[in-house]
């Protein structure tokens, strides 16, 4: 289990996010490891591709 002080709040430490339809994808905040640290803060945001139904395309 991940230390509570370092756990990513976006994915609650699981490393996986899901959309409204249940599609799961890697957490873009912590890069999928469930731990948020200073190196994650320096990573620039990336634009994700979506289809016509706004589902994320990996």
C-alpha atoms as a PDB file:
ATOM      1  CA  UNK A   1       0.000   0.000   0.000  1.00  0.00           C
ATOM      2  CA  UNK A   2       1.156   3.528  -0.745  1.00  0.00           C
ATOM      3  CA  UNK A   3       2.084   5.968   2.028  1.00  0.00           C
ATOM      4  CA  UNK A   4      -0.868   8.341   2.566  1.00  0.00           C
ATOM      5  CA  UNK A   5       1.271  11.478   2.380  1.00  0.00           C
ATOM      6  CA  UNK A   6       2.588  10.518  -1.091  1.00  0.00           C
ATOM      7  CA  UNK A   7      -0.518   8.822  -2.501  1.00  0.00           C
ATOM      8  CA  UNK A   8      -1.872  10.376  -5.678  1.00  0.00           C
ATOM      9  CA  UNK A   9      -5.185  12.067  -4.933  1.00  0.00           C
ATOM     10  CA  UNK A  10      -6.427  11.790  -8.523  1.00  0.00           C
ATOM     11  CA  UNK A  11      -6.396   7.965  -8.613  1.00  0.00           C
ATOM     12  CA  UNK A  12      -6.331   7.324  -4.845  1.00  0.00           C
ATOM     13  CA  UNK A  13      -3.065   5.418  -5.154  1.00  0.00           C
ATOM     14  CA  UNK A  14      -4.288   2.824  -7.649  1.00  0.00           C
ATOM     15  CA  UNK A  15      -2.543   4.270 -10.714  1.00  0.00           C
ATOM     16  CA  UNK A  16      -5.690   3.806 -12.805  1.00  0.00           C
ATOM     17  CA  UNK A  17      -8.474   6.252 -13.653  1.00  0.00           C
ATOM     18  CA  UNK A  18     -11.784   5.441 -15.324  1.00  0.00           C
ATOM     19  CA  UNK A  19     -14.283   7.480 -17.264  1.00  0.00           C
ATOM     20  CA  UNK A  20     -18.075   7.562 -17.052  1.00  0.00           C
ATOM     21  CA  UNK A  21     -18.431   4.470 -19.241  1.00  0.00           C
ATOM     22  CA  UNK A  22     -16.002   2.397 -17.198  1.00  0.00           C
ATOM     23  CA  UNK A  23     -13.049   2.589 -19.582  1.00  0.00           C
ATOM     24  CA  UNK A  24      -9.860   2.432 -17.533  1.00  0.00           C
ATOM     25  CA  UNK A  25      -6.554   4.127 -18.303  1.00  0.00           C
ATOM     26  CA  UNK A  26      -3.249   4.980 -16.658  1.00  0.00           C
ATOM     27  CA  UNK A  27      -3.383   7.958 -14.289  1.00  0.00           C
ATOM     28  CA  UNK A  28      -1.925  10.984 -16.048  1.00  0.00           C
ATOM     29  CA  UNK A  29      -1.129  12.768 -12.762  1.00  0.00           C
ATOM     30  CA  UNK A  30       1.204  10.167 -11.222  1.00  0.00           C
ATOM     31  CA  UNK A  31       2.073   8.318 -14.472  1.00  0.00           C
ATOM     32  CA  UNK A  32       0.365   5.157 -13.254  1.00  0.00           C
ATOM     33  CA  UNK A  33       2.461   4.363 -10.187  1.00  0.00           C
ATOM     34  CA  UNK A  34       0.035   5.731  -7.558  1.00  0.00           C
ATOM     35  CA  UNK A  35       2.691   7.914  -5.933  1.00  0.00           C
ATOM     36  CA  UNK A  36       2.768  11.667  -6.497  1.00  0.00           C
ATOM     37  CA  UNK A  37       6.182  13.237  -5.996  1.00  0.00           C
ATOM     38  CA  UNK A  38       8.191  16.257  -7.159  1.00  0.00           C
ATOM     39  CA  UNK A  39       9.168  14.669 -10.493  1.00  0.00           C
ATOM     40  CA  UNK A  40       5.479  14.268 -11.381  1.00  0.00           C
ATOM     41  CA  UNK A  41       4.949  17.984 -10.731  1.00  0.00           C
ATOM     42  CA  UNK A  42       7.584  18.947 -13.311  1.00  0.00           C
ATOM     43  CA  UNK A  43       6.068  16.788 -16.065  1.00  0.00           C
ATOM     44  CA  UNK A  44       4.227  18.869 -18.629  1.00  0.00           C
ATOM     45  CA  UNK A  45       0.603  18.168 -19.462  1.00  0.00           C
ATOM     46  CA  UNK A  46      -0.167  16.200 -22.599  1.00  0.00           C
ATOM     47  CA  UNK A  47      -3.237  16.446 -24.748  1.00  0.00           C
ATOM     48  CA  UNK A  48      -5.032  13.129 -24.965  1.00  0.00           C
ATOM     49  CA  UNK A  49      -6.796  11.917 -28.099  1.00  0.00           C
ATOM     50  CA  UNK A  50     -10.503  11.147 -27.925  1.00  0.00           C
ATOM     51  CA  UNK A  51     -12.986   9.616 -30.327  1.00  0.00           C
ATOM     52  CA  UNK A  52     -16.333  11.124 -31.365  1.00  0.00           C
ATOM     53  CA  UNK A  53     -17.866   9.936 -28.061  1.00  0.00           C
ATOM     54  CA  UNK A  54     -15.070  11.590 -26.010  1.00  0.00           C
ATOM     55  CA  UNK A  55     -13.562   8.220 -25.060  1.00  0.00           C
ATOM     56  CA  UNK A  56      -9.829   8.362 -24.490  1.00  0.00           C
ATOM     57  CA  UNK A  57      -7.651   6.709 -27.101  1.00  0.00           C
ATOM     58  CA  UNK A  58      -4.394   5.222 -25.808  1.00  0.00           C
END
